[in-house]
Structure formats: structure tokens, C-alpha cells
Amino acid sequence: MVVMEDEEEEEEEENDDDDPDKKTYAVYLNHVAETPKHSIVCLICFLEKGKMKQIRKSSVEDHCRSLHNTPGIKCEKTGCMVRAKYRGDIGKHKKYCHDLKTGWWKKLRRHDGA
């Protein structure tokens, strides 16, 4: 049965290639992959301004408070330091950054010619 679930997941990933959020997160994850281990790319800066702002993991909440006027909503995944301004954004982060198969965005970026 696990094989069937994997096939369904792959089919679902292929069927939503026109999803604009998926394309947005492919760009985001491309930059995340190039970010040093001690840092993250601020999701709020990326979503609101299109900026790839790298922040030390130890100062994410301070960055969010001072620049975005909110402590942000922290991702619930253990070890993930990403914060979002809205619950919907953290939900999309979870889906595209944690729930989908690792490296899915590389395949999408190749199809888009990036």
C-alpha cells in the first residue's frame, strides 16, 4: 500500500505544476538550497518584497519583530526556524518545504527552463 501512496503523491505533484504557489516556492527553495546552514531565507521578506534576505537562525524572531512588526508564526517542524506573517503562509511553507518529496522544486525549475 505504501507504493500506492507514493504513486498518488507523485501524480499529485505532477498535476499541479501550473500552481503559482508551487512556482513561487521553487524559486524560494532554490535560494534556500544556496543558503549557509546557520541561516535561513526570510519567508516574509520573500513573499512581501521578493527579497532573498538571509538571516542567522539565531536572530529570526528579532528580525521579524524589528522589520515586519510581528514575531511571526513559527513553523512547527522540529528544527525549522522559518516564520511567516499569516497562518496560510506557514501552511504553504509546510506543504512545499516539508510535505512534498525532497528536491521536487529542482524538477519544476528544469521544466520552466530555469
N, C-alpha and C. Protein backbone atom coordinates (compact mmCIF):
# COMPACT_ATOMS: atom_id res chain seq x y z
N MET A 1 0.81 -1.20 0.00
CA MET A 1 0.00 0.00 0.00
C MET A 1 0.85 1.27 0.00
N VAL A 2 2.01 1.22 0.61
CA VAL A 2 2.88 2.39 0.63
C VAL A 2 3.25 2.79 -0.79
N VAL A 3 3.48 1.81 -1.66
CA VAL A 3 3.82 2.09 -3.04
C VAL A 3 2.69 2.87 -3.70
N MET A 4 1.47 2.47 -3.42
CA MET A 4 0.32 3.15 -4.00
C MET A 4 0.27 4.61 -3.54
N GLU A 5 0.54 4.85 -2.26
CA GLU A 5 0.54 6.21 -1.75
C GLU A 5 1.64 7.03 -2.43
N ASP A 6 2.82 6.44 -2.62
CA ASP A 6 3.91 7.15 -3.29
C ASP A 6 3.52 7.50 -4.72
N GLU A 7 2.85 6.57 -5.40
CA GLU A 7 2.42 6.84 -6.77
C GLU A 7 1.39 7.97 -6.80
N GLU A 8 0.46 7.97 -5.84
CA GLU A 8 -0.53 9.03 -5.77
C GLU A 8 0.13 10.37 -5.48
N GLU A 9 1.14 10.38 -4.60
CA GLU A 9 1.84 11.62 -4.27
C GLU A 9 2.57 12.16 -5.49
N GLU A 10 3.25 11.28 -6.24
CA GLU A 10 3.96 11.71 -7.44
C GLU A 10 2.98 12.25 -8.47
N GLU A 11 1.83 11.58 -8.62
CA GLU A 11 0.82 12.03 -9.57
C GLU A 11 0.30 13.41 -9.17
N GLU A 12 0.06 13.60 -7.86
CA GLU A 12 -0.42 14.89 -7.37
C GLU A 12 0.62 15.97 -7.63
N GLU A 13 1.90 15.67 -7.41
CA GLU A 13 2.96 16.64 -7.65
C GLU A 13 3.01 17.04 -9.12
N GLU A 14 2.83 16.08 -10.01
CA GLU A 14 2.88 16.36 -11.44
C GLU A 14 1.67 17.15 -11.90
N ASN A 15 0.50 16.90 -11.33
CA ASN A 15 -0.73 17.53 -11.77
C ASN A 15 -0.85 19.00 -11.40
N ASP A 16 -0.07 19.47 -10.42
CA ASP A 16 -0.23 20.86 -10.03
C ASP A 16 0.98 21.71 -10.42
N ASP A 17 1.63 21.36 -11.52
CA ASP A 17 2.78 22.13 -11.99
C ASP A 17 2.39 23.54 -12.42
N ASP A 18 1.12 23.80 -12.69
CA ASP A 18 0.67 25.13 -13.06
C ASP A 18 0.31 25.97 -11.84
N ASP A 19 0.44 25.40 -10.67
CA ASP A 19 0.14 26.08 -9.41
C ASP A 19 1.13 27.23 -9.21
N PRO A 20 0.64 28.49 -9.16
CA PRO A 20 1.57 29.62 -8.99
C PRO A 20 2.33 29.58 -7.66
N ASP A 21 1.69 29.07 -6.61
CA ASP A 21 2.38 28.95 -5.33
C ASP A 21 3.55 27.97 -5.44
N LYS A 22 3.34 26.91 -6.17
CA LYS A 22 4.40 25.91 -6.33
C LYS A 22 5.59 26.52 -7.07
N LYS A 23 5.32 27.33 -8.07
CA LYS A 23 6.40 28.00 -8.80
C LYS A 23 7.12 29.01 -7.89
N THR A 24 6.36 29.71 -7.08
CA THR A 24 6.94 30.67 -6.14
C THR A 24 7.88 29.95 -5.18
N TYR A 25 7.43 28.83 -4.65
CA TYR A 25 8.25 28.09 -3.70
C TYR A 25 9.44 27.41 -4.38
N ALA A 26 9.35 27.11 -5.66
CA ALA A 26 10.50 26.57 -6.39
C ALA A 26 11.62 27.61 -6.42
N VAL A 27 11.26 28.86 -6.64
CA VAL A 27 12.24 29.96 -6.62
C VAL A 27 12.81 30.10 -5.21
N TYR A 28 11.93 30.12 -4.23
CA TYR A 28 12.35 30.26 -2.83
C TYR A 28 13.31 29.14 -2.43
N LEU A 29 12.95 27.90 -2.74
CA LEU A 29 13.77 26.77 -2.33
C LEU A 29 15.10 26.72 -3.08
N ASN A 30 15.15 27.25 -4.27
CA ASN A 30 16.41 27.34 -4.99
C ASN A 30 17.38 28.22 -4.19
N HIS A 31 16.88 29.31 -3.64
CA HIS A 31 17.73 30.19 -2.83
C HIS A 31 18.03 29.58 -1.46
N VAL A 32 17.06 28.89 -0.88
CA VAL A 32 17.27 28.23 0.40
C VAL A 32 18.41 27.21 0.27
N ALA A 33 18.45 26.50 -0.84
CA ALA A 33 19.47 25.48 -1.06
C ALA A 33 20.88 26.08 -1.10
N GLU A 34 20.98 27.36 -1.45
CA GLU A 34 22.28 28.03 -1.54
C GLU A 34 22.62 28.82 -0.27
N THR A 35 21.75 28.74 0.72
CA THR A 35 21.93 29.50 1.96
C THR A 35 22.77 28.68 2.94
N PRO A 36 23.73 29.32 3.61
CA PRO A 36 24.54 28.61 4.60
C PRO A 36 23.67 27.96 5.68
N LYS A 37 24.15 26.89 6.26
CA LYS A 37 23.39 26.11 7.26
C LYS A 37 22.99 26.94 8.48
N HIS A 38 23.74 27.95 8.83
CA HIS A 38 23.44 28.75 10.02
C HIS A 38 22.40 29.84 9.74
N SER A 39 21.90 29.90 8.51
CA SER A 39 20.96 30.95 8.12
C SER A 39 19.71 30.39 7.47
N ILE A 40 18.71 31.24 7.34
CA ILE A 40 17.51 30.92 6.57
C ILE A 40 17.23 32.09 5.64
N VAL A 41 16.36 31.90 4.68
CA VAL A 41 15.85 32.99 3.85
C VAL A 41 14.53 33.42 4.49
N CYS A 42 14.42 34.69 4.82
CA CYS A 42 13.20 35.18 5.47
C CYS A 42 12.01 35.01 4.53
N LEU A 43 11.07 34.21 4.97
CA LEU A 43 9.87 33.95 4.17
C LEU A 43 9.03 35.21 3.99
N ILE A 44 8.94 36.02 5.03
CA ILE A 44 8.13 37.24 4.95
C ILE A 44 8.75 38.21 3.95
N CYS A 45 10.06 38.41 4.01
CA CYS A 45 10.73 39.30 3.05
C CYS A 45 10.52 38.79 1.62
N PHE A 46 10.61 37.48 1.46
CA PHE A 46 10.45 36.89 0.13
C PHE A 46 9.03 37.09 -0.39
N LEU A 47 8.04 36.76 0.42
CA LEU A 47 6.65 36.82 -0.04
C LEU A 47 6.17 38.26 -0.23
N GLU A 48 6.60 39.17 0.64
CA GLU A 48 6.11 40.55 0.56
C GLU A 48 6.90 41.44 -0.38
N LYS A 49 8.21 41.21 -0.48
CA LYS A 49 9.06 42.12 -1.23
C LYS A 49 9.86 41.45 -2.34
N GLY A 50 9.80 40.12 -2.40
CA GLY A 50 10.59 39.41 -3.40
C GLY A 50 12.07 39.39 -3.08
N LYS A 51 12.44 39.73 -1.83
CA LYS A 51 13.84 39.78 -1.42
C LYS A 51 14.29 38.44 -0.86
N MET A 52 15.50 38.06 -1.19
CA MET A 52 16.10 36.84 -0.66
C MET A 52 17.01 37.23 0.50
N LYS A 53 16.40 37.65 1.60
CA LYS A 53 17.12 38.13 2.77
C LYS A 53 17.56 36.96 3.64
N GLN A 54 18.87 36.74 3.73
CA GLN A 54 19.40 35.69 4.58
C GLN A 54 19.55 36.22 6.00
N ILE A 55 19.08 35.42 6.95
CA ILE A 55 19.12 35.80 8.36
C ILE A 55 19.70 34.65 9.15
N ARG A 56 20.53 34.98 10.12
CA ARG A 56 21.06 33.94 11.01
C ARG A 56 19.88 33.30 11.76
N LYS A 57 19.91 32.00 11.88
CA LYS A 57 18.81 31.29 12.55
C LYS A 57 18.58 31.82 13.97
N SER A 58 19.65 32.24 14.61
CA SER A 58 19.54 32.73 16.00
C SER A 58 18.85 34.09 16.11
N SER A 59 18.66 34.79 14.99
CA SER A 59 18.05 36.12 15.08
C SER A 59 16.79 36.28 14.24
N VAL A 60 16.15 35.18 13.88
CA VAL A 60 14.96 35.26 13.03
C VAL A 60 13.82 36.02 13.72
N GLU A 61 13.53 35.68 14.95
CA GLU A 61 12.42 36.36 15.64
C GLU A 61 12.71 37.85 15.80
N ASP A 62 13.94 38.21 16.14
CA ASP A 62 14.31 39.63 16.27
C ASP A 62 14.14 40.35 14.93
N HIS A 63 14.56 39.71 13.85
CA HIS A 63 14.40 40.29 12.51
C HIS A 63 12.92 40.53 12.22
N CYS A 64 12.10 39.52 12.49
CA CYS A 64 10.66 39.64 12.22
C CYS A 64 10.03 40.77 13.04
N ARG A 65 10.39 40.84 14.31
CA ARG A 65 9.84 41.89 15.17
C ARG A 65 10.26 43.28 14.69
N SER A 66 11.53 43.45 14.38
CA SER A 66 12.02 44.79 14.04
C SER A 66 11.65 45.21 12.62
N LEU A 67 11.69 44.31 11.68
CA LEU A 67 11.43 44.69 10.29
C LEU A 67 9.97 44.51 9.88
N HIS A 68 9.33 43.47 10.39
CA HIS A 68 7.96 43.15 9.96
C HIS A 68 6.91 43.44 11.04
N ASN A 69 7.34 43.95 12.19
CA ASN A 69 6.43 44.31 13.29
C ASN A 69 5.58 43.15 13.79
N THR A 70 6.14 41.97 13.76
CA THR A 70 5.47 40.78 14.28
C THR A 70 6.53 39.74 14.63
N PRO A 71 6.27 38.92 15.67
CA PRO A 71 7.23 37.85 15.94
C PRO A 71 7.14 36.75 14.87
N GLY A 72 6.05 36.79 14.12
CA GLY A 72 5.83 35.78 13.09
C GLY A 72 5.26 34.50 13.69
N ILE A 73 4.76 33.67 12.82
CA ILE A 73 4.23 32.37 13.20
C ILE A 73 5.29 31.35 12.83
N LYS A 74 5.84 30.68 13.83
CA LYS A 74 6.94 29.75 13.61
C LYS A 74 6.45 28.43 13.02
N CYS A 75 7.21 27.92 12.08
CA CYS A 75 6.93 26.59 11.53
C CYS A 75 7.00 25.57 12.66
N GLU A 76 6.07 24.63 12.66
CA GLU A 76 6.00 23.64 13.73
C GLU A 76 6.97 22.48 13.54
N LYS A 77 7.59 22.39 12.38
CA LYS A 77 8.52 21.28 12.12
C LYS A 77 9.76 21.45 13.01
N THR A 78 10.12 20.40 13.71
CA THR A 78 11.28 20.43 14.58
C THR A 78 12.53 20.83 13.80
N GLY A 79 13.23 21.83 14.31
CA GLY A 79 14.46 22.29 13.69
C GLY A 79 14.29 23.37 12.64
N CYS A 80 13.07 23.61 12.20
CA CYS A 80 12.83 24.64 11.19
C CYS A 80 12.60 25.97 11.91
N MET A 81 13.33 26.98 11.48
CA MET A 81 13.27 28.28 12.14
C MET A 81 12.44 29.31 11.35
N VAL A 82 11.86 28.91 10.25
CA VAL A 82 11.10 29.82 9.40
C VAL A 82 9.87 30.35 10.12
N ARG A 83 9.61 31.63 9.89
CA ARG A 83 8.43 32.28 10.44
C ARG A 83 7.68 32.96 9.31
N ALA A 84 6.37 33.01 9.43
CA ALA A 84 5.53 33.65 8.43
C ALA A 84 4.64 34.68 9.13
N LYS A 85 4.09 35.58 8.36
CA LYS A 85 3.21 36.61 8.92
C LYS A 85 1.80 36.05 9.13
N TYR A 86 1.37 35.16 8.25
CA TYR A 86 0.00 34.64 8.29
C TYR A 86 0.00 33.11 8.36
N ARG A 87 -1.04 32.56 8.96
CA ARG A 87 -1.17 31.10 9.08
C ARG A 87 -1.19 30.43 7.71
N GLY A 88 -1.85 31.05 6.75
CA GLY A 88 -1.90 30.49 5.40
C GLY A 88 -0.52 30.36 4.79
N ASP A 89 0.33 31.36 5.06
CA ASP A 89 1.70 31.31 4.53
C ASP A 89 2.51 30.21 5.18
N ILE A 90 2.33 30.01 6.49
CA ILE A 90 3.08 28.94 7.15
C ILE A 90 2.55 27.58 6.69
N GLY A 91 1.25 27.52 6.36
CA GLY A 91 0.69 26.28 5.82
C GLY A 91 1.28 25.94 4.46
N LYS A 92 1.41 26.95 3.61
CA LYS A 92 2.03 26.73 2.29
C LYS A 92 3.50 26.37 2.45
N HIS A 93 4.18 27.03 3.39
CA HIS A 93 5.57 26.69 3.66
C HIS A 93 5.68 25.21 4.04
N LYS A 94 4.82 24.77 4.94
CA LYS A 94 4.84 23.37 5.37
C LYS A 94 4.64 22.44 4.17
N LYS A 95 3.66 22.75 3.35
CA LYS A 95 3.35 21.91 2.20
C LYS A 95 4.54 21.82 1.24
N TYR A 96 5.04 22.98 0.82
CA TYR A 96 6.06 23.00 -0.22
C TYR A 96 7.47 22.72 0.29
N CYS A 97 7.74 23.03 1.55
CA CYS A 97 9.09 22.85 2.06
C CYS A 97 9.28 21.57 2.86
N HIS A 98 8.20 21.01 3.39
CA HIS A 98 8.35 19.83 4.23
C HIS A 98 7.55 18.61 3.75
N ASP A 99 6.36 18.84 3.18
CA ASP A 99 5.50 17.71 2.85
C ASP A 99 5.80 17.07 1.49
N LEU A 100 6.16 17.88 0.52
CA LEU A 100 6.45 17.32 -0.81
C LEU A 100 7.80 16.61 -0.81
N LYS A 101 7.97 15.75 -1.76
CA LYS A 101 9.20 14.97 -1.90
C LYS A 101 10.42 15.90 -2.00
N THR A 102 11.46 15.58 -1.26
CA THR A 102 12.68 16.38 -1.27
C THR A 102 13.19 16.56 -2.70
N GLY A 103 13.51 17.80 -3.05
CA GLY A 103 14.06 18.11 -4.36
C GLY A 103 13.02 18.30 -5.46
N TRP A 104 11.73 18.27 -5.13
CA TRP A 104 10.68 18.41 -6.15
C TRP A 104 10.88 19.68 -6.97
N TRP A 105 11.35 20.72 -6.33
CA TRP A 105 11.48 22.03 -6.97
C TRP A 105 12.55 22.04 -8.06
N LYS A 106 13.56 21.16 -7.95
CA LYS A 106 14.60 21.09 -8.98
C LYS A 106 13.99 20.63 -10.30
N LYS A 107 13.09 19.67 -10.22
CA LYS A 107 12.42 19.16 -11.43
C LYS A 107 11.55 20.24 -12.05
N LEU A 108 10.81 20.96 -11.23
CA LEU A 108 9.94 22.03 -11.73
C LEU A 108 10.77 23.13 -12.36
N ARG A 109 11.86 23.51 -11.74
CA ARG A 109 12.71 24.58 -12.28
C ARG A 109 13.28 24.18 -13.63
N ARG A 110 13.64 22.90 -13.82
CA ARG A 110 14.16 22.44 -15.12
C ARG A 110 13.09 22.55 -16.20
N HIS A 111 11.85 22.20 -15.86
CA HIS A 111 10.74 22.28 -16.83
C HIS A 111 10.46 23.71 -17.24
N ASP A 112 10.69 24.65 -16.32
CA ASP A 112 10.45 26.06 -16.61
C ASP A 112 11.62 26.72 -17.33
N GLY A 113 12.68 25.95 -17.55
CA GLY A 113 13.84 26.48 -18.24
C GLY A 113 14.78 27.26 -17.36
N ALA A 114 14.59 27.15 -16.06
CA ALA A 114 15.46 27.87 -15.13
C ALA A 114 16.66 27.04 -14.75
